[in-house]
Amino acid sequence: MEEVNHCSPAPLFLSAAFSVCAEVSALFFLCHLFFCVPISSSSFPVLFHLLSLLCRLLRACVRPWFCFFSPASRKPISSLGNETDNLSLLKFKESIYDYLHHVLDSWNTSNHFCNWYGVTCDHNHHRVTELWLNGYGLRGSITPHIGNLSFVRVIVLNDNMLYREIPQEFGHLFRLQTLFIGNNTLGGTFAINITSCSELSNLSFGGHNLSDRIPMEIGYLHKLERLHLVKNNFSGQIPMSMWNLSSRTLLPIGENNLKESMPEEIGFLQKLRIFYISRNKLSGAIPFCPYNFSSLIVLDVEGNFFQETIPLSLASLKGLRYLGLSQNNLSGSIPKGMQDITSWTYLNVSFNMLEGEVPSKGVFSNASAVSLMGNKKFRGGISMAGLLTCPLKSVGERKHPNCKMIVLVCSVTAFLLLLSIVAIYHLRNRSKKSLDSPSIDMLSKLSYQKLHNATDGFSI
């Protein structure tokens, strides 16, 4: 669109008419002064010059108002400083070569960009504030021009097929609060410039091929509440600055290659509700203080190399619903206080080196809500399939009646089974002497495939 640089003829005519009227009025005023008030001839030119300047000043002040209210002089929205947003969105579309459901078909010059699908603008400045294009199969890369959307606060591009690297130009978006670009195939490293977005509260880079370390600068995001870095190739140690983000409530960083141990500074995350660090290479003890994690509802540290015992402090997390400790190197016994947590829906401590008696109350009374397999030295507990469920008695104490009955039944059953085998063996020897067995010879000539077909895959 062309910009309009001049006023329309109508406002110009009105401005000129006002100027003429002002100058005529000034002349009448001079005449009045000349005839009614005695004035010297020497001061008349000076007074006329001053009044003429006053008329020109009035004309200069009035003319812009006529131009502003003229319909023909109004500029289009795109010429009021929004050409940058328009161009940035068009560049974004150019970097996408395929998409589903005609989602970007409306992105053309015949429509204003505020009316494009997935774009939200504010009503005052008509600038882009939100971009929602999640789950539309976008194929391509993210253009660096996206960093020119200076008013944007929310960008959601997750669940697509975007590739290449994350543009560093995201760091220019100083108003950005939410950035979700997870579940794509983006590569490279963590775009460190994003840590300049001081207003950022939600960040998702999960489900990519990002590598290298998580940068220390992540600690600059003091307003960050949710950080999603799961399913990448991040390596090295978790930066210490990450534990200083006290406002964080959601921290899934599992399924990476993170190493070393977790420091006690993790206790600074007092608002943490979900902590998911499973399937890494973390080691050492599990440091948890119950007074700092009263809001925790999900704790999943499965598939690491954590050692020592299950912290007794976990029994004080009364709001905990899910606890995953499986596939580690934990030893010792299960704290009995854990059976008093009534909010639990699932507990998984399988494939460790735990031992001792399994609690029988609380979540442990529901076999479907507890996984204990792979711990060979466990005993007791309702949820332990195949283990002796009778309580252990001291020496000299009378055995439980149920255990005595079980032993008696097992003994009688074993004796009858042995007697049946001996009887069948003698009957076969007698039949071999008196009868031929052509059916056995025929069976030996059948192939495996024929048996498989005849029995319908051995389902009979």
Protein backbone atom coordinates (compact mmCIF):
# COMPACT_ATOMS: atom_id res chain seq x y z
CA MET A 1 0.00 0.00 0.00
CA GLU A 2 1.14 3.54 -0.72
CA GLU A 3 1.34 6.00 2.09
CA VAL A 4 -0.68 9.24 1.81
CA ASN A 5 1.69 12.15 2.26
CA HIS A 6 -0.66 15.09 1.70
CA CYS A 7 -4.07 16.22 2.81
CA SER A 8 -7.05 15.89 0.52
CA PRO A 9 -8.29 19.03 -1.34
CA ALA A 10 -11.24 19.51 1.04
CA PRO A 11 -9.19 20.04 4.19
CA LEU A 12 -6.77 22.27 2.30
CA PHE A 13 -9.67 24.45 1.12
CA LEU A 14 -11.06 24.68 4.66
CA SER A 15 -7.64 25.56 6.03
CA ALA A 16 -7.17 28.29 3.44
CA ALA A 17 -10.65 29.67 4.08
CA PHE A 18 -9.94 29.82 7.79
CA SER A 19 -6.70 31.66 7.10
CA VAL A 20 -8.42 34.23 4.86
CA CYS A 21 -11.14 34.81 7.45
CA ALA A 22 -8.50 35.28 10.14
CA GLU A 23 -6.59 37.84 8.07
CA VAL A 24 -9.78 39.77 7.12
CA SER A 25 -10.74 39.86 10.80
CA ALA A 26 -7.33 41.22 11.59
CA LEU A 27 -7.78 44.00 9.00
CA PHE A 28 -11.15 44.96 10.46
CA PHE A 29 -9.52 45.07 13.85
CA LEU A 30 -6.81 47.35 12.51
CA CYS A 31 -9.37 49.63 10.92
CA HIS A 32 -11.18 49.83 14.21
CA LEU A 33 -8.01 50.73 15.98
CA PHE A 34 -7.11 53.21 13.28
CA PHE A 35 -10.42 55.08 13.35
CA CYS A 36 -11.44 54.71 16.99
CA VAL A 37 -8.17 54.77 18.86
CA PRO A 38 -5.58 57.41 18.21
CA ILE A 39 -2.44 55.71 16.93
CA SER A 40 0.71 57.04 15.41
CA SER A 41 1.59 56.27 11.82
CA SER A 42 4.95 54.88 12.87
CA SER A 43 3.42 52.10 15.05
CA PHE A 44 0.84 50.99 12.45
CA PRO A 45 3.23 48.80 10.34
CA VAL A 46 4.56 47.07 13.47
CA LEU A 47 1.06 46.23 14.69
CA PHE A 48 0.01 44.98 11.27
CA HIS A 49 3.09 42.73 11.10
CA LEU A 50 2.39 41.23 14.54
CA LEU A 51 -1.22 40.46 13.66
CA SER A 52 -0.17 38.88 10.38
CA LEU A 53 2.24 36.56 12.23
CA LEU A 54 -0.55 35.62 14.62
CA CYS A 55 -2.81 34.62 11.71
CA ARG A 56 -0.09 32.44 10.18
CA LEU A 57 0.46 30.72 13.53
CA LEU A 58 -3.24 29.94 13.85
CA ARG A 59 -3.31 28.55 10.31
CA ALA A 60 -0.32 26.28 11.06
CA CYS A 61 -2.04 24.94 14.18
CA VAL A 62 -5.41 24.32 12.56
CA ARG A 63 -4.27 22.70 9.30
CA PRO A 64 -3.00 19.39 10.85
CA TRP A 65 -6.36 18.87 12.54
CA PHE A 66 -8.16 19.14 9.23
CA CYS A 67 -5.71 16.68 7.71
CA PHE A 68 -6.08 14.20 10.60
CA PHE A 69 -9.87 14.04 10.48
CA SER A 70 -9.99 13.74 6.71
CA PRO A 71 -10.97 10.16 5.65
CA ALA A 72 -8.82 10.42 2.56
CA SER A 73 -5.74 11.25 4.58
CA ARG A 74 -5.89 8.31 7.01
CA LYS A 75 -3.07 5.78 6.60
CA PRO A 76 -3.75 2.02 6.43
CA ILE A 77 -2.98 -0.05 9.49
CA SER A 78 0.03 -1.69 7.89
CA SER A 79 1.63 1.71 7.35
CA LEU A 80 1.44 2.70 11.02
CA GLY A 81 4.57 0.76 11.94
CA ASN A 82 3.22 -2.81 11.49
CA GLU A 83 4.98 -3.56 8.22
CA THR A 84 7.60 -5.39 10.30
CA ASP A 85 5.05 -7.86 11.70
CA ASN A 86 3.55 -8.39 8.26
CA LEU A 87 6.93 -9.09 6.68
CA SER A 88 8.04 -11.36 9.53
CA LEU A 89 4.95 -13.57 9.19
CA LEU A 90 5.35 -13.78 5.42
CA LYS A 91 8.98 -14.84 5.90
CA PHE A 92 7.79 -17.49 8.36
CA LYS A 93 5.40 -18.85 5.75
CA GLU A 94 8.20 -18.90 3.14
CA SER A 95 10.29 -21.14 5.41
CA ILE A 96 7.42 -23.71 5.64
CA TYR A 97 7.04 -25.85 2.53
CA ASP A 98 4.21 -28.12 3.68
CA TYR A 99 1.36 -28.08 6.18
CA LEU A 100 -2.00 -29.70 6.94
CA HIS A 101 -5.61 -28.52 6.72
CA HIS A 102 -4.75 -25.46 4.56
CA VAL A 103 -3.75 -23.75 7.79
CA LEU A 104 -1.55 -21.13 6.08
CA ASP A 105 -3.73 -20.50 3.03
CA SER A 106 -5.16 -17.36 4.61
CA TRP A 107 -1.67 -15.90 4.97
CA ASN A 108 -1.71 -13.63 1.91
CA THR A 109 -1.81 -9.93 1.05
CA SER A 110 -5.58 -9.93 0.46
CA ASN A 111 -6.16 -10.30 4.22
CA HIS A 112 -4.73 -8.23 7.01
CA PHE A 113 -2.25 -10.32 9.00
CA CYS A 114 -4.33 -9.90 12.17
CA ASN A 115 -6.98 -12.04 10.41
CA TRP A 116 -4.58 -14.84 9.48
CA TYR A 117 -5.16 -18.25 11.01
CA GLY A 118 -3.25 -18.76 14.26
CA VAL A 119 -2.38 -15.07 14.64
CA THR A 120 -3.71 -12.89 17.47
CA CYS A 121 -3.23 -9.11 17.59
CA ASP A 122 -3.94 -6.53 20.25
CA HIS A 123 -6.78 -4.09 19.61
CA ASN A 124 -4.87 -0.89 20.30
CA HIS A 125 -1.69 -1.18 18.24
CA HIS A 126 -2.70 -4.03 15.91
CA ARG A 127 0.56 -5.83 16.61
CA VAL A 128 1.03 -9.60 16.79
CA THR A 129 0.82 -10.83 20.40
CA GLU A 130 0.24 -14.59 19.95
CA LEU A 131 1.14 -17.22 17.35
CA TRP A 132 -0.59 -20.63 17.74
CA LEU A 133 0.27 -23.26 15.11
CA ASN A 134 0.69 -26.46 17.12
CA GLY A 135 -0.05 -29.86 15.61
CA TYR A 136 -0.55 -28.82 11.96
CA GLY A 137 2.28 -30.83 10.43
CA LEU A 138 4.41 -27.81 9.57
CA ARG A 139 7.46 -28.93 7.58
CA GLY A 140 10.40 -26.58 7.32
CA SER A 141 12.52 -24.39 9.54
CA ILE A 142 11.88 -21.47 11.88
CA THR A 143 12.92 -18.24 10.17
CA PRO A 144 15.15 -15.80 12.10
CA HIS A 145 12.65 -13.07 11.14
CA ILE A 146 10.44 -14.36 13.94
CA GLY A 147 12.64 -12.32 16.25
CA ASN A 148 11.12 -9.12 14.78
CA LEU A 149 7.69 -9.76 16.33
CA SER A 150 8.56 -7.41 19.16
CA PHE A 151 5.06 -7.40 20.73
CA VAL A 152 4.59 -11.17 20.79
CA ARG A 153 4.00 -12.85 24.16
CA VAL A 154 3.03 -16.41 23.23
CA ILE A 155 4.52 -18.68 20.54
CA VAL A 156 3.24 -22.27 20.31
CA LEU A 157 4.75 -24.41 17.51
CA ASN A 158 4.96 -27.81 19.19
CA ASP A 159 3.96 -31.16 17.64
CA ASN A 160 5.08 -30.35 14.09
CA MET A 161 7.97 -31.45 11.86
CA LEU A 162 10.23 -28.42 12.10
CA TYR A 163 13.96 -29.02 11.69
CA ARG A 164 17.35 -27.27 11.67
CA GLU A 165 18.39 -25.13 14.63
CA ILE A 166 16.46 -22.91 17.03
CA PRO A 167 17.05 -19.29 15.94
CA GLN A 168 19.03 -17.16 18.35
CA GLU A 169 16.77 -14.27 17.32
CA PHE A 170 14.20 -15.51 19.84
CA GLY A 171 16.30 -13.58 22.33
CA HIS A 172 15.05 -10.28 20.85
CA LEU A 173 11.50 -10.93 22.05
CA PHE A 174 11.70 -9.11 25.38
CA ARG A 175 7.92 -9.42 25.94
CA LEU A 176 7.85 -13.21 25.36
CA GLN A 177 6.22 -15.19 28.18
CA THR A 178 5.50 -18.62 26.65
CA LEU A 179 7.58 -20.51 24.08
CA PHE A 180 6.47 -24.04 23.19
CA ILE A 181 8.35 -25.65 20.30
CA GLY A 182 8.56 -29.20 21.65
CA ASN A 183 8.11 -32.48 19.77
CA ASN A 184 9.79 -31.44 16.52
CA THR A 185 13.13 -32.52 15.04
CA LEU A 186 15.16 -29.42 15.83
CA GLY A 187 18.88 -29.93 16.30
CA GLY A 188 21.95 -28.05 17.41
CA THR A 189 22.36 -26.71 20.91
CA PHE A 190 20.29 -24.78 23.43
CA ALA A 191 19.67 -21.30 21.94
CA ILE A 192 21.45 -19.37 24.68
CA ASN A 193 20.04 -15.98 23.62
CA ILE A 194 16.62 -17.12 24.81
CA THR A 195 17.88 -16.57 28.35
CA SER A 196 17.61 -12.83 27.57
CA CYS A 197 13.80 -13.10 27.56
CA SER A 198 13.39 -11.96 31.16
CA GLU A 199 9.57 -12.30 31.10
CA LEU A 200 9.65 -15.97 30.07
CA SER A 201 7.63 -18.22 32.39
CA ASN A 202 6.97 -21.32 30.19
CA LEU A 203 9.66 -22.91 28.02
CA SER A 204 9.43 -26.25 26.19
CA PHE A 205 12.29 -27.70 24.14
CA GLY A 206 11.30 -31.34 24.69
CA GLY A 207 11.41 -34.05 22.05
CA HIS A 208 14.28 -32.79 19.87
CA ASN A 209 17.86 -33.70 19.06
CA LEU A 210 19.44 -30.91 21.08
CA SER A 211 22.88 -31.76 22.42
CA ASP A 212 25.71 -30.32 24.50
CA ARG A 213 25.15 -28.88 27.97
CA ILE A 214 22.24 -27.02 29.50
CA PRO A 215 23.67 -23.47 29.75
CA MET A 216 24.38 -21.82 33.09
CA GLU A 217 22.54 -18.74 31.81
CA ILE A 218 19.25 -20.58 32.35
CA GLY A 219 19.38 -19.12 35.84
CA TYR A 220 18.72 -15.64 34.42
CA LEU A 221 15.09 -16.59 33.80
CA HIS A 222 13.88 -15.72 37.29
CA LYS A 223 10.19 -15.89 36.31
CA LEU A 224 10.46 -19.36 34.77
CA GLU A 225 7.85 -21.74 36.18
CA ARG A 226 7.86 -24.61 33.67
CA LEU A 227 10.96 -25.93 31.91
CA HIS A 228 10.51 -28.92 29.60
CA LEU A 229 13.76 -30.41 28.22
CA VAL A 230 12.80 -34.10 28.14
CA LYS A 231 13.89 -36.46 25.30
CA ASN A 232 17.03 -34.72 24.04
CA ASN A 233 20.74 -35.46 24.10
CA PHE A 234 21.80 -32.98 26.77
CA SER A 235 24.91 -34.14 28.59
CA GLY A 236 27.11 -33.09 31.46
CA GLN A 237 26.00 -31.87 34.86
CA ILE A 238 22.75 -30.08 35.63
CA PRO A 239 23.80 -26.42 36.05
CA MET A 240 23.74 -25.13 39.62
CA SER A 241 21.88 -22.02 38.50
CA MET A 242 18.85 -24.17 37.70
CA TRP A 243 18.26 -24.87 41.38
CA ASN A 244 18.00 -21.12 42.12
CA LEU A 245 14.74 -20.74 40.19
CA SER A 246 12.47 -20.86 43.22
CA SER A 247 9.28 -20.17 41.23
CA ARG A 248 9.55 -23.35 39.19
CA THR A 249 6.68 -25.83 39.50
CA LEU A 250 7.33 -28.23 36.60
CA LEU A 251 10.76 -29.70 35.78
CA PRO A 252 10.82 -32.61 33.31
CA ILE A 253 14.41 -33.12 32.14
CA GLY A 254 14.35 -36.89 31.80
CA GLU A 255 15.59 -39.08 28.95
CA ASN A 256 18.88 -37.26 28.35
CA ASN A 257 22.50 -38.06 29.14
CA LEU A 258 22.88 -35.94 32.27
CA LYS A 259 25.52 -37.17 34.70
CA GLU A 260 26.92 -36.76 38.21
CA SER A 261 24.83 -36.23 41.33
CA MET A 262 22.06 -33.89 42.42
CA PRO A 263 23.15 -31.26 44.96
CA GLU A 264 21.31 -30.34 48.12
CA GLU A 265 20.46 -26.99 46.50
CA ILE A 266 17.53 -28.74 44.87
CA GLY A 267 15.73 -27.87 48.10
CA PHE A 268 15.42 -24.29 46.86
CA LEU A 269 12.64 -25.40 44.48
CA GLN A 270 9.98 -25.14 47.14
CA LYS A 271 7.09 -24.75 44.68
CA LEU A 272 8.06 -27.82 42.65
CA ARG A 273 5.10 -30.11 41.84
CA ILE A 274 6.44 -32.43 39.12
CA PHE A 275 10.07 -33.59 39.05
CA TYR A 276 10.90 -35.97 36.18
CA ILE A 277 14.58 -36.84 35.67
CA SER A 278 14.30 -40.52 34.74
CA ARG A 279 16.55 -42.32 32.23
CA ASN A 280 19.68 -40.26 32.69
CA LYS A 281 23.04 -41.21 34.18
CA LEU A 282 22.71 -39.52 37.54
CA SER A 283 24.31 -41.13 40.57
CA GLY A 284 24.82 -40.67 44.29
CA ALA A 285 22.07 -40.36 46.88
CA ILE A 286 18.60 -38.91 46.42
CA PRO A 287 18.62 -35.65 48.43
CA PHE A 288 15.14 -34.63 49.49
CA CYS A 289 14.01 -32.51 52.41
CA PRO A 290 10.29 -32.95 53.19
CA TYR A 291 9.86 -29.41 54.42
CA ASN A 292 10.97 -27.97 51.06
CA PHE A 293 8.82 -30.23 48.88
CA SER A 294 5.39 -30.06 50.46
CA SER A 295 3.83 -29.33 47.02
CA LEU A 296 5.46 -32.29 45.22
CA ILE A 297 2.97 -34.71 43.63
CA VAL A 298 5.16 -36.57 41.07
CA LEU A 299 8.74 -37.74 41.65
CA ASP A 300 10.24 -39.92 38.93
CA VAL A 301 13.98 -40.77 39.08
CA GLU A 302 13.80 -44.17 37.38
CA GLY A 303 16.57 -45.57 35.19
CA ASN A 304 19.56 -43.84 36.79
CA PHE A 305 22.43 -44.97 39.01
CA PHE A 306 21.22 -43.66 42.37
CA GLN A 307 22.65 -45.51 45.33
CA GLU A 308 22.30 -45.85 49.08
CA THR A 309 18.88 -46.20 50.72
CA ILE A 310 15.43 -44.75 50.06
CA PRO A 311 15.38 -41.41 51.95
CA LEU A 312 13.28 -41.53 55.10
CA SER A 313 12.11 -38.01 54.27
CA LEU A 314 9.99 -39.35 51.40
CA ALA A 315 7.57 -40.69 53.98
CA SER A 316 6.80 -37.10 55.00
CA LEU A 317 5.64 -36.05 51.52
CA LYS A 318 1.95 -36.39 52.30
CA GLY A 319 0.81 -34.98 48.94
CA LEU A 320 2.89 -37.36 46.81
CA ARG A 321 0.86 -39.35 44.26
CA TYR A 322 3.47 -41.02 42.06
CA LEU A 323 6.92 -42.22 43.10
CA GLY A 324 9.21 -43.92 40.59
CA LEU A 325 12.49 -45.33 41.94
CA SER A 326 12.89 -48.39 39.72
CA GLN A 327 16.04 -49.47 37.85
CA ASN A 328 18.56 -47.90 40.20
CA ASN A 329 21.05 -49.31 42.71
CA LEU A 330 19.08 -48.58 45.86
CA SER A 331 19.60 -50.86 48.85
CA GLY A 332 18.17 -51.30 52.30
CA SER A 333 14.48 -51.61 53.12
CA ILE A 334 11.35 -49.64 52.35
CA PRO A 335 10.63 -47.09 55.10
CA LYS A 336 7.51 -48.23 56.94
CA GLY A 337 6.27 -44.64 57.11
CA MET A 338 5.59 -44.75 53.38
CA GLN A 339 2.53 -46.91 53.98
CA ASP A 340 0.89 -43.99 55.79
CA ILE A 341 0.73 -41.77 52.69
CA THR A 342 -2.92 -41.95 51.63
CA SER A 343 -2.61 -39.83 48.48
CA TRP A 344 -0.47 -42.33 46.56
CA THR A 345 -1.79 -43.82 43.33
CA TYR A 346 1.32 -45.70 42.19
CA LEU A 347 4.69 -46.75 43.62
CA ASN A 348 7.46 -48.37 41.59
CA VAL A 349 10.62 -49.60 43.34
CA SER A 350 11.31 -52.58 41.06
CA PHE A 351 14.73 -53.78 39.94
CA ASN A 352 16.85 -52.46 42.77
CA MET A 353 18.72 -54.23 45.54
CA LEU A 354 16.13 -53.70 48.25
CA GLU A 355 15.50 -56.25 50.97
CA GLY A 356 13.56 -56.85 54.14
CA GLU A 357 9.86 -57.05 54.86
CA VAL A 358 7.44 -55.21 52.60
CA PRO A 359 4.84 -53.02 54.35
CA SER A 360 1.27 -54.29 54.05
CA LYS A 361 -0.84 -51.19 54.65
CA GLY A 362 -1.77 -48.17 52.56
CA VAL A 363 -0.71 -48.33 48.92
CA PHE A 364 1.06 -51.65 49.63
CA SER A 365 -2.30 -53.34 50.18
CA ASN A 366 -3.18 -52.82 46.50
CA ALA A 367 -1.11 -55.11 44.31
CA SER A 368 -2.01 -53.19 41.13
CA ALA A 369 -0.68 -49.92 42.58
CA VAL A 370 2.77 -51.22 43.56
CA SER A 371 5.62 -52.72 41.54
CA LEU A 372 8.22 -54.60 43.61
CA MET A 373 9.64 -57.13 41.15
CA GLY A 374 13.35 -57.55 40.65
CA ASN A 375 14.22 -57.25 44.34
CA LYS A 376 15.19 -60.81 45.25
CA LYS A 377 15.56 -60.28 48.97
CA PHE A 378 12.08 -58.94 49.65
CA ARG A 379 9.78 -60.93 51.90
CA GLY A 380 6.16 -60.60 52.95
CA GLY A 381 3.68 -58.08 51.70
CA ILE A 382 0.37 -58.60 49.90
CA SER A 383 1.74 -57.21 46.64
CA MET A 384 4.66 -59.68 46.49
CA ALA A 385 3.45 -62.43 44.15
CA GLY A 386 5.07 -65.80 44.71
CA LEU A 387 6.56 -64.90 48.10
CA LEU A 388 5.63 -66.31 51.48
CA THR A 389 2.89 -64.09 52.84
CA CYS A 390 2.82 -65.60 56.33
CA PRO A 391 4.41 -63.49 59.05
CA LEU A 392 7.71 -64.73 60.40
CA LYS A 393 7.65 -66.19 63.91
CA SER A 394 10.37 -66.42 66.44
CA VAL A 395 12.03 -69.72 67.35
CA GLY A 396 9.89 -71.91 69.56
CA GLU A 397 6.69 -70.05 68.68
CA ARG A 398 3.81 -72.11 67.35
CA LYS A 399 3.35 -72.00 63.57
CA HIS A 400 0.37 -70.29 62.04
CA PRO A 401 -2.53 -72.73 61.31
CA ASN A 402 -2.82 -71.59 57.72
CA CYS A 403 0.84 -72.32 57.04
CA LYS A 404 0.45 -75.82 58.53
CA MET A 405 -2.53 -76.53 56.29
CA ILE A 406 -0.64 -75.35 53.22
CA VAL A 407 2.28 -77.66 53.96
CA LEU A 408 -0.08 -80.63 54.50
CA VAL A 409 -1.96 -80.06 51.23
CA CYS A 410 1.26 -79.67 49.24
CA SER A 411 2.66 -82.93 50.69
CA VAL A 412 -0.46 -84.97 49.88
CA THR A 413 -0.61 -83.54 46.37
CA ALA A 414 3.03 -84.42 45.71
CA PHE A 415 2.53 -88.01 46.96
CA LEU A 416 -0.53 -88.57 44.75
CA LEU A 417 1.28 -87.13 41.72
CA LEU A 418 4.23 -89.48 42.23
CA LEU A 419 1.91 -92.47 42.64
CA SER A 420 0.12 -91.59 39.36
CA ILE A 421 3.42 -91.41 37.45
CA VAL A 422 4.47 -94.87 38.68
CA ALA A 423 1.08 -96.37 37.71
CA ILE A 424 1.19 -94.90 34.20
CA TYR A 425 4.72 -96.19 33.69
CA HIS A 426 3.70 -99.79 34.51
CA LEU A 427 0.62 -99.66 32.28
CA ARG A 428 2.71 -98.49 29.28
CA ASN A 429 5.17 -101.32 29.69
CA ARG A 430 2.37 -103.87 29.57
CA SER A 431 0.75 -102.36 26.47
CA LYS A 432 4.07 -102.36 24.55
CA LYS A 433 4.38 -106.08 24.93
CA SER A 434 0.90 -106.96 23.64
CA LEU A 435 0.13 -104.31 21.04
CA ASP A 436 1.90 -102.58 18.15
CA SER A 437 1.80 -98.77 17.95
CA PRO A 438 1.52 -97.70 14.27
CA SER A 439 0.10 -94.35 15.34
CA ILE A 440 3.39 -93.45 17.05
CA ASP A 441 5.35 -94.36 13.94
CA MET A 442 3.03 -92.22 11.85
CA LEU A 443 3.39 -89.31 14.25
CA SER A 444 7.18 -89.44 13.98
CA LYS A 445 6.88 -88.90 10.22
CA LEU A 446 4.79 -85.71 10.53
CA SER A 447 6.61 -82.45 9.94
CA TYR A 448 6.51 -79.44 12.32
CA GLN A 449 4.64 -77.40 9.71
CA LYS A 450 1.92 -80.01 9.35
CA LEU A 451 1.47 -80.21 13.09
CA HIS A 452 1.31 -76.44 13.25
CA ASN A 453 -1.37 -76.32 10.55
CA ALA A 454 -3.34 -79.22 11.90
CA THR A 455 -3.58 -77.74 15.35
CA ASP A 456 -4.26 -74.21 14.09
CA GLY A 457 -1.02 -72.86 15.45
CA PHE A 458 -1.06 -75.13 18.52
CA SER A 459 -4.19 -73.42 19.73
CA ILE A 460 -6.11 -76.64 20.34
